[in-house]
Amino acid sequence: MNQITQFFSNLKADFDRLNQSVDDLVRTYNAIVQFLDLISNLFPVDLVLVLLLSIPLLYIINTLSPSSPRINYTIAVVFVSGLRSFLSHAIYETWNLFAVSKTAILLLLPAYFLVLLKLLVSWGRRYRIRQKALSPRNLESSFENLQKTYRTLSAEIYSNLSKSETKGFVDGERLLPSIKELEESIAGLKTLIQKPETQSGDLQ
């Protein structure tokens, strides 16, 4: 009798362990499905496919021209996106340009984010310097800015002259931004001088 009772106890314990294993498996499956749903929401399937197809092509292009990885990446993404659009037209008779372009932009944006950020920072700095030069707070600020831009231009001119045996400009185009900044500083000083009421207000 005890052996029969022990047998059923062991059978029940095995059944409970099996039931627990099935529950764990179901929970794991649900977690994987939720994770895949989250990934698919964050990263659309077409984006992942274009990226995966671009990687082998990028590897080949980098082997041929390793000096320009960003351009190579752009070529790979654009080529795969164009191929995707062509296949979409061949199968569904529609180029699907909006979806293809959106996917390509999303893939290219990280590669050019720093470049765009540097351009924006440079533009903002240039705009601030220009406004400061054209609209100085007072005569002292305007004169300091004029001295600074003049010294910068002088340093660039001497640097160019030291590289030239004929004492001509090595690359005169490089001086144009500094010349423009000097012109803006002079224009700001002229504007300030032509407004004596502004100077009177500063003195008070």
N, C-alpha and C. Protein backbone atom coordinates (compact mmCIF):
# COMPACT_ATOMS: atom_id res chain seq x y z
N MET A 1 0.82 -1.21 0.00
CA MET A 1 0.00 0.00 0.00
C MET A 1 0.86 1.26 0.00
N ASN A 2 1.90 1.19 0.85
CA ASN A 2 2.81 2.33 0.90
C ASN A 2 3.50 2.55 -0.44
N GLN A 3 3.81 1.45 -1.13
CA GLN A 3 4.47 1.57 -2.43
C GLN A 3 3.55 2.22 -3.46
N ILE A 4 2.25 1.88 -3.39
CA ILE A 4 1.28 2.48 -4.32
C ILE A 4 1.13 3.97 -4.03
N THR A 5 1.07 4.28 -2.72
CA THR A 5 0.95 5.69 -2.34
C THR A 5 2.18 6.48 -2.78
N GLN A 6 3.37 5.88 -2.59
CA GLN A 6 4.61 6.53 -3.01
C GLN A 6 4.66 6.71 -4.52
N PHE A 7 4.13 5.70 -5.24
CA PHE A 7 4.12 5.78 -6.70
C PHE A 7 3.28 6.97 -7.18
N PHE A 8 2.08 7.08 -6.61
CA PHE A 8 1.21 8.19 -7.00
C PHE A 8 1.77 9.54 -6.55
N SER A 9 2.46 9.53 -5.41
CA SER A 9 3.09 10.78 -4.95
C SER A 9 4.19 11.21 -5.91
N ASN A 10 5.00 10.23 -6.32
CA ASN A 10 6.05 10.55 -7.30
C ASN A 10 5.46 10.99 -8.64
N LEU A 11 4.37 10.33 -9.05
CA LEU A 11 3.71 10.68 -10.31
C LEU A 11 3.16 12.10 -10.25
N LYS A 12 2.55 12.43 -9.11
CA LYS A 12 2.03 13.80 -8.93
C LYS A 12 3.17 14.83 -8.93
N ALA A 13 4.29 14.47 -8.28
CA ALA A 13 5.43 15.39 -8.25
C ALA A 13 5.99 15.59 -9.65
N ASP A 14 6.09 14.50 -10.42
CA ASP A 14 6.56 14.61 -11.81
C ASP A 14 5.60 15.45 -12.65
N PHE A 15 4.30 15.25 -12.42
CA PHE A 15 3.30 16.02 -13.16
C PHE A 15 3.41 17.50 -12.80
N ASP A 16 3.61 17.80 -11.50
CA ASP A 16 3.75 19.20 -11.07
C ASP A 16 4.98 19.85 -11.70
N ARG A 17 6.10 19.07 -11.74
CA ARG A 17 7.32 19.61 -12.36
C ARG A 17 7.11 19.84 -13.86
N LEU A 18 6.41 18.90 -14.50
CA LEU A 18 6.12 19.07 -15.93
C LEU A 18 5.22 20.29 -16.16
N ASN A 19 4.24 20.43 -15.30
CA ASN A 19 3.34 21.58 -15.41
C ASN A 19 4.10 22.89 -15.20
N GLN A 20 5.03 22.90 -14.23
CA GLN A 20 5.85 24.09 -13.98
C GLN A 20 6.75 24.40 -15.17
N SER A 21 7.30 23.35 -15.79
CA SER A 21 8.16 23.54 -16.96
C SER A 21 7.37 24.12 -18.13
N VAL A 22 6.13 23.60 -18.30
CA VAL A 22 5.27 24.13 -19.37
C VAL A 22 4.94 25.60 -19.11
N ASP A 23 4.64 25.93 -17.85
CA ASP A 23 4.34 27.33 -17.50
C ASP A 23 5.55 28.22 -17.77
N ASP A 24 6.73 27.74 -17.39
CA ASP A 24 7.95 28.51 -17.65
C ASP A 24 8.17 28.70 -19.15
N LEU A 25 7.91 27.64 -19.91
CA LEU A 25 8.07 27.72 -21.36
C LEU A 25 7.10 28.73 -21.97
N VAL A 26 5.86 28.70 -21.49
CA VAL A 26 4.85 29.65 -21.99
C VAL A 26 5.24 31.08 -21.64
N ARG A 27 5.72 31.30 -20.40
CA ARG A 27 6.14 32.66 -20.01
C ARG A 27 7.32 33.12 -20.85
N THR A 28 8.26 32.21 -21.10
CA THR A 28 9.41 32.57 -21.93
C THR A 28 8.97 32.91 -23.35
N TYR A 29 8.04 32.11 -23.88
CA TYR A 29 7.52 32.38 -25.23
C TYR A 29 6.83 33.73 -25.29
N ASN A 30 6.00 34.02 -24.29
CA ASN A 30 5.31 35.32 -24.26
C ASN A 30 6.29 36.48 -24.15
N ALA A 31 7.35 36.29 -23.35
CA ALA A 31 8.36 37.33 -23.21
C ALA A 31 9.08 37.57 -24.55
N ILE A 32 9.39 36.48 -25.26
CA ILE A 32 10.05 36.60 -26.55
C ILE A 32 9.15 37.31 -27.56
N VAL A 33 7.86 36.95 -27.55
CA VAL A 33 6.91 37.59 -28.47
C VAL A 33 6.78 39.07 -28.17
N GLN A 34 6.69 39.42 -26.87
CA GLN A 34 6.61 40.83 -26.50
C GLN A 34 7.88 41.59 -26.90
N PHE A 35 9.02 40.93 -26.72
CA PHE A 35 10.28 41.57 -27.10
C PHE A 35 10.35 41.80 -28.61
N LEU A 36 9.92 40.79 -29.38
CA LEU A 36 9.92 40.93 -30.84
C LEU A 36 8.94 42.01 -31.29
N ASP A 37 7.79 42.09 -30.61
CA ASP A 37 6.83 43.14 -30.94
C ASP A 37 7.43 44.52 -30.67
N LEU A 38 8.14 44.63 -29.54
CA LEU A 38 8.78 45.90 -29.21
C LEU A 38 9.84 46.26 -30.24
N ILE A 39 10.65 45.28 -30.62
CA ILE A 39 11.68 45.52 -31.63
C ILE A 39 11.06 45.91 -32.96
N SER A 40 9.97 45.23 -33.34
CA SER A 40 9.34 45.54 -34.61
C SER A 40 8.72 46.92 -34.61
N ASN A 41 8.27 47.39 -33.42
CA ASN A 41 7.73 48.75 -33.33
C ASN A 41 8.83 49.79 -33.39
N LEU A 42 9.94 49.49 -32.72
CA LEU A 42 11.06 50.44 -32.74
C LEU A 42 11.80 50.40 -34.07
N PHE A 43 12.01 49.21 -34.59
CA PHE A 43 12.75 49.03 -35.83
C PHE A 43 11.89 48.24 -36.81
N PRO A 44 11.27 48.90 -37.78
CA PRO A 44 10.42 48.19 -38.74
C PRO A 44 11.19 47.10 -39.48
N VAL A 45 10.44 46.10 -39.93
CA VAL A 45 11.05 44.94 -40.58
C VAL A 45 11.81 45.36 -41.84
N ASP A 46 11.21 46.27 -42.63
CA ASP A 46 11.88 46.68 -43.86
C ASP A 46 13.19 47.39 -43.58
N LEU A 47 13.25 48.13 -42.45
CA LEU A 47 14.50 48.81 -42.08
C LEU A 47 15.57 47.78 -41.75
N VAL A 48 15.20 46.77 -40.98
CA VAL A 48 16.17 45.73 -40.60
C VAL A 48 16.65 44.97 -41.83
N LEU A 49 15.73 44.66 -42.75
CA LEU A 49 16.11 43.92 -43.96
C LEU A 49 17.06 44.73 -44.83
N VAL A 50 16.76 46.02 -45.02
CA VAL A 50 17.65 46.86 -45.83
C VAL A 50 19.03 46.95 -45.17
N LEU A 51 19.06 47.07 -43.85
CA LEU A 51 20.34 47.13 -43.14
C LEU A 51 21.12 45.84 -43.30
N LEU A 52 20.45 44.71 -43.13
CA LEU A 52 21.13 43.41 -43.26
C LEU A 52 21.65 43.17 -44.67
N LEU A 53 20.90 43.62 -45.67
CA LEU A 53 21.37 43.47 -47.05
C LEU A 53 22.47 44.46 -47.40
N SER A 54 22.50 45.58 -46.71
CA SER A 54 23.52 46.60 -46.99
C SER A 54 24.88 46.22 -46.42
N ILE A 55 24.89 45.43 -45.34
CA ILE A 55 26.14 45.09 -44.67
C ILE A 55 27.11 44.32 -45.57
N PRO A 56 26.67 43.25 -46.26
CA PRO A 56 27.63 42.56 -47.16
C PRO A 56 28.13 43.45 -48.29
N LEU A 57 27.22 44.26 -48.85
CA LEU A 57 27.64 45.17 -49.92
C LEU A 57 28.62 46.22 -49.39
N LEU A 58 28.37 46.70 -48.18
CA LEU A 58 29.28 47.66 -47.55
C LEU A 58 30.65 47.04 -47.33
N TYR A 59 30.69 45.79 -46.92
CA TYR A 59 31.97 45.10 -46.71
C TYR A 59 32.76 45.03 -48.02
N ILE A 60 32.07 44.72 -49.11
CA ILE A 60 32.75 44.63 -50.41
C ILE A 60 33.29 46.00 -50.84
N ILE A 61 32.45 47.03 -50.69
CA ILE A 61 32.87 48.37 -51.09
C ILE A 61 34.02 48.86 -50.22
N ASN A 62 33.96 48.58 -48.91
CA ASN A 62 35.05 48.99 -48.01
C ASN A 62 36.36 48.28 -48.36
N THR A 63 36.25 47.06 -48.86
CA THR A 63 37.46 46.35 -49.28
C THR A 63 38.11 47.04 -50.47
N LEU A 64 37.29 47.56 -51.37
CA LEU A 64 37.81 48.25 -52.56
C LEU A 64 38.26 49.67 -52.23
N SER A 65 37.54 50.35 -51.34
CA SER A 65 37.86 51.74 -51.02
C SER A 65 37.67 51.98 -49.53
N PRO A 66 38.66 51.64 -48.71
CA PRO A 66 38.50 51.75 -47.25
C PRO A 66 38.64 53.16 -46.70
N SER A 67 38.99 54.13 -47.53
CA SER A 67 39.27 55.49 -47.04
C SER A 67 38.02 56.33 -46.86
N SER A 68 36.88 55.88 -47.34
CA SER A 68 35.66 56.69 -47.24
C SER A 68 34.49 55.83 -46.76
N PRO A 69 34.49 55.40 -45.50
CA PRO A 69 33.45 54.50 -45.00
C PRO A 69 32.05 55.12 -45.01
N ARG A 70 31.95 56.42 -44.72
CA ARG A 70 30.62 57.04 -44.71
C ARG A 70 30.01 57.07 -46.10
N ILE A 71 30.81 57.42 -47.09
CA ILE A 71 30.32 57.42 -48.47
C ILE A 71 29.98 56.00 -48.92
N ASN A 72 30.81 55.04 -48.54
CA ASN A 72 30.54 53.64 -48.89
C ASN A 72 29.23 53.16 -48.28
N TYR A 73 29.00 53.53 -47.04
CA TYR A 73 27.75 53.16 -46.38
C TYR A 73 26.55 53.78 -47.10
N THR A 74 26.71 55.04 -47.50
CA THR A 74 25.64 55.71 -48.24
C THR A 74 25.35 55.01 -49.56
N ILE A 75 26.41 54.64 -50.27
CA ILE A 75 26.24 53.93 -51.56
C ILE A 75 25.51 52.61 -51.34
N ALA A 76 25.90 51.87 -50.30
CA ALA A 76 25.28 50.57 -50.04
C ALA A 76 23.80 50.72 -49.72
N VAL A 77 23.47 51.67 -48.85
CA VAL A 77 22.07 51.86 -48.46
C VAL A 77 21.24 52.34 -49.64
N VAL A 78 21.77 53.28 -50.42
CA VAL A 78 21.03 53.80 -51.58
C VAL A 78 20.83 52.70 -52.62
N PHE A 79 21.87 51.88 -52.83
CA PHE A 79 21.75 50.80 -53.81
C PHE A 79 20.69 49.78 -53.39
N VAL A 80 20.74 49.34 -52.13
CA VAL A 80 19.77 48.36 -51.65
C VAL A 80 18.36 48.96 -51.65
N SER A 81 18.24 50.24 -51.29
CA SER A 81 16.93 50.89 -51.31
C SER A 81 16.39 50.98 -52.73
N GLY A 82 17.27 51.31 -53.69
CA GLY A 82 16.85 51.34 -55.08
C GLY A 82 16.43 49.96 -55.57
N LEU A 83 17.16 48.93 -55.16
CA LEU A 83 16.80 47.56 -55.54
C LEU A 83 15.47 47.17 -54.92
N ARG A 84 15.25 47.59 -53.68
CA ARG A 84 13.96 47.30 -53.03
C ARG A 84 12.81 47.99 -53.77
N SER A 85 13.01 49.23 -54.19
CA SER A 85 11.98 49.95 -54.93
C SER A 85 11.70 49.28 -56.27
N PHE A 86 12.78 48.83 -56.93
CA PHE A 86 12.61 48.15 -58.23
C PHE A 86 11.83 46.85 -58.07
N LEU A 87 12.14 46.06 -57.04
CA LEU A 87 11.43 44.81 -56.80
C LEU A 87 9.97 45.07 -56.44
N SER A 88 9.75 46.14 -55.66
CA SER A 88 8.37 46.49 -55.31
C SER A 88 7.57 46.83 -56.56
N HIS A 89 8.21 47.54 -57.49
CA HIS A 89 7.51 47.88 -58.74
C HIS A 89 7.28 46.64 -59.59
N ALA A 90 8.26 45.73 -59.59
CA ALA A 90 8.13 44.52 -60.40
C ALA A 90 7.06 43.58 -59.87
N ILE A 91 6.89 43.55 -58.54
CA ILE A 91 5.94 42.61 -57.94
C ILE A 91 4.56 43.25 -57.75
N TYR A 92 4.56 44.45 -57.16
CA TYR A 92 3.29 45.09 -56.82
C TYR A 92 2.91 46.24 -57.76
N GLU A 93 3.76 46.49 -58.77
CA GLU A 93 3.54 47.56 -59.74
C GLU A 93 3.44 48.93 -59.08
N THR A 94 4.20 49.14 -58.05
CA THR A 94 4.30 50.45 -57.40
C THR A 94 5.73 50.63 -56.89
N TRP A 95 6.27 51.84 -57.08
CA TRP A 95 7.65 52.09 -56.68
C TRP A 95 7.79 52.23 -55.16
N ASN A 96 6.72 52.60 -54.48
CA ASN A 96 6.75 52.72 -53.01
C ASN A 96 7.87 53.65 -52.55
N LEU A 97 7.98 54.79 -53.23
CA LEU A 97 9.12 55.69 -52.99
C LEU A 97 9.12 56.28 -51.58
N PHE A 98 7.93 56.58 -51.05
CA PHE A 98 7.89 57.20 -49.72
C PHE A 98 8.47 56.28 -48.65
N ALA A 99 8.02 55.03 -48.64
CA ALA A 99 8.52 54.08 -47.63
C ALA A 99 10.00 53.79 -47.83
N VAL A 100 10.42 53.67 -49.09
CA VAL A 100 11.83 53.40 -49.38
C VAL A 100 12.70 54.57 -48.94
N SER A 101 12.26 55.79 -49.25
CA SER A 101 13.03 56.98 -48.88
C SER A 101 13.10 57.14 -47.37
N LYS A 102 11.98 56.88 -46.68
CA LYS A 102 11.96 57.01 -45.22
C LYS A 102 12.94 56.03 -44.58
N THR A 103 12.94 54.80 -45.07
CA THR A 103 13.86 53.80 -44.53
C THR A 103 15.31 54.20 -44.78
N ALA A 104 15.61 54.67 -45.99
CA ALA A 104 16.98 55.08 -46.30
C ALA A 104 17.42 56.24 -45.43
N ILE A 105 16.53 57.21 -45.22
CA ILE A 105 16.88 58.37 -44.38
C ILE A 105 17.13 57.93 -42.94
N LEU A 106 16.29 57.03 -42.42
CA LEU A 106 16.48 56.55 -41.05
C LEU A 106 17.81 55.82 -40.89
N LEU A 107 18.23 55.10 -41.93
CA LEU A 107 19.51 54.38 -41.86
C LEU A 107 20.69 55.32 -42.04
N LEU A 108 20.53 56.37 -42.83
CA LEU A 108 21.64 57.29 -43.10
C LEU A 108 21.77 58.37 -42.04
N LEU A 109 20.69 58.63 -41.32
CA LEU A 109 20.72 59.71 -40.34
C LEU A 109 21.80 59.54 -39.27
N PRO A 110 21.98 58.34 -38.68
CA PRO A 110 23.06 58.22 -37.69
C PRO A 110 24.45 58.49 -38.25
N ALA A 111 24.66 58.13 -39.52
CA ALA A 111 25.99 58.32 -40.12
C ALA A 111 26.29 59.80 -40.32
N TYR A 112 25.25 60.60 -40.55
CA TYR A 112 25.45 62.02 -40.83
C TYR A 112 25.01 62.91 -39.68
N PHE A 113 24.66 62.31 -38.55
CA PHE A 113 24.18 63.11 -37.43
C PHE A 113 25.26 64.07 -36.92
N LEU A 114 26.48 63.54 -36.72
CA LEU A 114 27.56 64.38 -36.22
C LEU A 114 27.92 65.48 -37.21
N VAL A 115 27.88 65.13 -38.50
CA VAL A 115 28.19 66.14 -39.52
C VAL A 115 27.15 67.26 -39.48
N LEU A 116 25.87 66.88 -39.39
CA LEU A 116 24.81 67.88 -39.32
C LEU A 116 24.92 68.70 -38.04
N LEU A 117 25.25 68.03 -36.94
CA LEU A 117 25.39 68.74 -35.67
C LEU A 117 26.53 69.75 -35.73
N LYS A 118 27.66 69.35 -36.34
CA LYS A 118 28.79 70.29 -36.47
C LYS A 118 28.42 71.47 -37.36
N LEU A 119 27.66 71.20 -38.42
CA LEU A 119 27.23 72.29 -39.30
C LEU A 119 26.32 73.27 -38.56
N LEU A 120 25.39 72.72 -37.74
CA LEU A 120 24.49 73.58 -37.00
C LEU A 120 25.24 74.40 -35.95
N VAL A 121 26.18 73.76 -35.26
CA VAL A 121 26.97 74.48 -34.26
C VAL A 121 27.82 75.56 -34.93
N SER A 122 28.43 75.23 -36.07
CA SER A 122 29.23 76.21 -36.80
C SER A 122 28.37 77.37 -37.27
N TRP A 123 27.17 77.06 -37.78
CA TRP A 123 26.27 78.11 -38.24
C TRP A 123 25.84 79.00 -37.08
N GLY A 124 25.51 78.38 -35.95
CA GLY A 124 25.10 79.16 -34.77
C GLY A 124 26.23 80.04 -34.26
N ARG A 125 27.44 79.51 -34.24
CA ARG A 125 28.59 80.30 -33.80
C ARG A 125 28.84 81.46 -34.75
N ARG A 126 28.75 81.18 -36.06
CA ARG A 126 28.96 82.22 -37.06
C ARG A 126 27.90 83.32 -36.96
N TYR A 127 26.65 82.89 -36.72
CA TYR A 127 25.57 83.87 -36.59
C TYR A 127 25.77 84.73 -35.36
N ARG A 128 26.19 84.12 -34.24
CA ARG A 128 26.42 84.89 -33.01
C ARG A 128 27.56 85.88 -33.16
N ILE A 129 28.65 85.43 -33.81
CA ILE A 129 29.79 86.32 -34.02
C ILE A 129 29.40 87.49 -34.94
N ARG A 130 28.63 87.18 -35.98
CA ARG A 130 28.21 88.21 -36.93
C ARG A 130 27.31 89.25 -36.25
N GLN A 131 26.36 88.77 -35.44
CA GLN A 131 25.48 89.70 -34.73
C GLN A 131 26.26 90.54 -33.73
N LYS A 132 27.24 89.93 -33.08
CA LYS A 132 28.06 90.67 -32.12
C LYS A 132 28.90 91.72 -32.83
N ALA A 133 29.37 91.40 -34.04
CA ALA A 133 30.19 92.35 -34.79
C ALA A 133 29.34 93.49 -35.35
N LEU A 134 28.17 93.18 -35.88
CA LEU A 134 27.32 94.20 -36.51
C LEU A 134 26.56 95.04 -35.50
N SER A 135 26.32 94.49 -34.32
CA SER A 135 25.56 95.22 -33.29
C SER A 135 26.30 95.17 -31.96
N PRO A 136 27.42 95.84 -31.85
CA PRO A 136 28.19 95.80 -30.59
C PRO A 136 27.46 96.53 -29.47
N ARG A 137 27.74 96.11 -28.24
CA ARG A 137 27.07 96.71 -27.08
C ARG A 137 27.56 98.15 -26.85
N ASN A 138 28.86 98.34 -26.98
CA ASN A 138 29.44 99.67 -26.74
C ASN A 138 30.73 99.79 -27.54
N LEU A 139 31.37 100.94 -27.40
CA LEU A 139 32.57 101.22 -28.17
C LEU A 139 33.72 100.28 -27.80
N GLU A 140 33.83 99.97 -26.51
CA GLU A 140 34.91 99.09 -26.07
C GLU A 140 34.75 97.70 -26.68
N SER A 141 33.54 97.14 -26.65
CA SER A 141 33.27 95.83 -27.22
C SER A 141 33.54 95.82 -28.72
N SER A 142 33.12 96.89 -29.40
CA SER A 142 33.33 96.98 -30.84
C SER A 142 34.82 97.05 -31.18
N PHE A 143 35.58 97.83 -30.40
CA PHE A 143 37.01 97.97 -30.67
C PHE A 143 37.75 96.67 -30.39
N GLU A 144 37.37 95.95 -29.31
CA GLU A 144 37.99 94.66 -29.02
C GLU A 144 37.73 93.66 -30.13
N ASN A 145 36.52 93.64 -30.64
CA ASN A 145 36.17 92.73 -31.72
C ASN A 145 36.93 93.08 -33.00
N LEU A 146 37.10 94.38 -33.24
CA LEU A 146 37.87 94.83 -34.41
C LEU A 146 39.33 94.39 -34.31
N GLN A 147 39.91 94.53 -33.13
CA GLN A 147 41.30 94.09 -32.92
C GLN A 147 41.42 92.58 -33.11
N LYS A 148 40.47 91.83 -32.58
CA LYS A 148 40.51 90.38 -32.68
C LYS A 148 40.45 89.92 -34.13
N THR A 149 39.51 90.46 -34.89
CA THR A 149 39.38 90.05 -36.30
C THR A 149 40.59 90.49 -37.11
N TYR A 150 41.17 91.66 -36.77
CA TYR A 150 42.37 92.12 -37.48
C TYR A 150 43.56 91.21 -37.20
N ARG A 151 43.71 90.80 -35.93
CA ARG A 151 44.82 89.90 -35.60
C ARG A 151 44.65 88.54 -36.28
N THR A 152 43.43 88.05 -36.33
CA THR A 152 43.18 86.77 -37.00
C THR A 152 43.53 86.85 -38.47
N LEU A 153 43.11 87.93 -39.13
CA LEU A 153 43.41 88.10 -40.55
C LEU A 153 44.92 88.26 -40.76
N SER A 154 45.57 89.00 -39.90
CA SER A 154 47.02 89.20 -40.03
C SER A 154 47.76 87.88 -39.88
N ALA A 155 47.36 87.06 -38.92
CA ALA A 155 48.02 85.77 -38.71
C ALA A 155 47.84 84.88 -39.94
N GLU A 156 46.66 84.88 -40.54
CA GLU A 156 46.44 84.06 -41.73
C GLU A 156 47.25 84.57 -42.92
N ILE A 157 47.35 85.88 -43.06
CA ILE A 157 48.14 86.45 -44.16
C ILE A 157 49.61 86.09 -44.01
N TYR A 158 50.17 86.26 -42.80
CA TYR A 158 51.58 85.93 -42.57
C TYR A 158 51.83 84.44 -42.77
N SER A 159 50.85 83.61 -42.38
CA SER A 159 50.99 82.17 -42.58
C SER A 159 51.04 81.84 -44.06
N ASN A 160 50.21 82.49 -44.86
CA ASN A 160 50.24 82.28 -46.31
C ASN A 160 51.52 82.78 -46.93
N LEU A 161 52.00 83.94 -46.48
CA LEU A 161 53.22 84.51 -47.04
C LEU A 161 54.44 83.65 -46.71
N SER A 162 54.44 83.03 -45.53
CA SER A 162 55.58 82.19 -45.16
C SER A 162 55.67 80.93 -46.00
N LYS A 163 54.56 80.53 -46.62
CA LYS A 163 54.55 79.34 -47.45
C LYS A 163 54.79 79.64 -48.92
N SER A 164 54.87 80.92 -49.27
CA SER A 164 55.00 81.31 -50.67
C SER A 164 56.36 81.95 -50.92
N GLU A 165 57.06 81.43 -51.90
CA GLU A 165 58.37 82.00 -52.23
C GLU A 165 58.23 83.33 -52.96
N THR A 166 57.13 83.53 -53.67
CA THR A 166 56.93 84.78 -54.42
C THR A 166 56.20 85.83 -53.60
N LYS A 167 55.94 85.53 -52.34
CA LYS A 167 55.21 86.42 -51.44
C LYS A 167 53.80 86.71 -51.94
N GLY A 168 53.24 85.78 -52.69
CA GLY A 168 51.84 85.86 -53.11
C GLY A 168 51.03 84.89 -52.28
N PHE A 169 49.72 84.96 -52.41
CA PHE A 169 48.85 84.11 -51.61
C PHE A 169 48.91 82.67 -52.09
N VAL A 170 49.02 81.75 -51.13
CA VAL A 170 48.94 80.33 -51.48
C VAL A 170 47.50 79.98 -51.86
N ASP A 171 46.57 80.42 -51.08
CA ASP A 171 45.15 80.19 -51.36
C ASP A 171 44.37 81.39 -50.82
N GLY A 172 44.14 82.36 -51.68
CA GLY A 172 43.46 83.58 -51.26
C GLY A 172 42.04 83.34 -50.80
N GLU A 173 41.39 82.26 -51.26
CA GLU A 173 40.02 81.98 -50.87
C GLU A 173 39.90 81.74 -49.36
N ARG A 174 40.96 81.26 -48.75
CA ARG A 174 40.92 80.99 -47.31
C ARG A 174 40.83 82.28 -46.49
N LEU A 175 41.26 83.37 -47.07
CA LEU A 175 41.25 84.64 -46.34
C LEU A 175 39.89 85.33 -46.38
N LEU A 176 39.04 84.94 -47.31
CA LEU A 176 37.77 85.65 -47.48
C LEU A 176 36.90 85.64 -46.22
N PRO A 177 36.76 84.50 -45.48
CA PRO A 177 35.94 84.55 -44.25
C PRO A 177 36.48 85.53 -43.22
N SER A 178 37.81 85.58 -43.06
CA SER A 178 38.39 86.51 -42.10
C SER A 178 38.23 87.95 -42.56
N ILE A 179 38.36 88.17 -43.86
CA ILE A 179 38.15 89.52 -44.40
C ILE A 179 36.70 89.96 -44.17
N LYS A 180 35.78 89.04 -44.38
CA LYS A 180 34.37 89.37 -44.16
C LYS A 180 34.09 89.69 -42.70
N GLU A 181 34.72 88.94 -41.77
CA GLU A 181 34.55 89.23 -40.35
C GLU A 181 35.11 90.61 -40.00
N LEU A 182 36.25 90.96 -40.61
CA LEU A 182 36.82 92.29 -40.37
C LEU A 182 35.90 93.38 -40.91
N GLU A 183 35.34 93.15 -42.10
CA GLU A 183 34.40 94.11 -42.67
C GLU A 183 33.17 94.28 -41.78
N GLU A 184 32.68 93.20 -41.21
CA GLU A 184 31.52 93.27 -40.32
C GLU A 184 31.86 94.02 -39.04
N SER A 185 33.09 93.81 -38.53
CA SER A 185 33.52 94.54 -37.33
C SER A 185 33.60 96.03 -37.62
N ILE A 186 34.13 96.40 -38.79
CA ILE A 186 34.21 97.81 -39.18
C ILE A 186 32.81 98.39 -39.35
N ALA A 187 31.91 97.62 -39.99
CA ALA A 187 30.54 98.09 -40.18
C ALA A 187 29.85 98.31 -38.84
N GLY A 188 30.08 97.40 -37.85
CA GLY A 188 29.49 97.57 -36.53
C GLY A 188 30.04 98.80 -35.83
N LEU A 189 31.34 99.05 -35.97
CA LEU A 189 31.93 100.24 -35.37
C LEU A 189 31.38 101.51 -36.01
N LYS A 190 31.23 101.52 -37.33
CA LYS A 190 30.66 102.67 -38.02
C LYS A 190 29.22 102.93 -37.58
N THR A 191 28.45 101.85 -37.43
CA THR A 191 27.06 102.00 -36.98
C THR A 191 27.01 102.59 -35.57
N LEU A 192 27.93 102.14 -34.72
CA LEU A 192 27.96 102.63 -33.34
C LEU A 192 28.35 104.10 -33.30
N ILE A 193 29.32 104.49 -34.12
CA ILE A 193 29.79 105.88 -34.13
C ILE A 193 28.71 106.82 -34.68
N GLN A 194 27.92 106.32 -35.61
CA GLN A 194 26.88 107.14 -36.22
C GLN A 194 25.65 107.29 -35.34
N LYS A 195 25.67 106.69 -34.15
CA LYS A 195 24.56 106.81 -33.22
C LYS A 195 25.08 107.37 -31.89
N PRO A 196 25.29 108.66 -31.83
CA PRO A 196 25.85 109.24 -30.60
C PRO A 196 24.94 109.03 -29.40
N GLU A 197 23.62 108.90 -29.63
CA GLU A 197 22.71 108.71 -28.50
C GLU A 197 22.97 107.37 -27.82
N THR A 198 23.41 106.37 -28.60
CA THR A 198 23.72 105.08 -28.01
C THR A 198 24.92 105.19 -27.09
N GLN A 199 25.93 105.93 -27.54
CA GLN A 199 27.12 106.13 -26.72
C GLN A 199 26.79 106.89 -25.45
N SER A 200 25.90 107.89 -25.57
CA SER A 200 25.52 108.66 -24.38
C SER A 200 24.82 107.77 -23.36
N GLY A 201 23.99 106.88 -23.87
CA GLY A 201 23.31 105.95 -22.98
C GLY A 201 24.26 105.02 -22.28
N ASP A 202 25.31 104.58 -22.99
CA ASP A 202 26.31 103.70 -22.38
C ASP A 202 27.10 104.42 -21.31
N LEU A 203 27.40 105.72 -21.55
CA LEU A 203 28.19 106.47 -20.59
C LEU A 203 27.42 106.72 -19.30
N GLN A 204 26.09 106.87 -19.44
CA GLN A 204 25.29 107.06 -18.26
C GLN A 204 25.18 105.76 -17.46
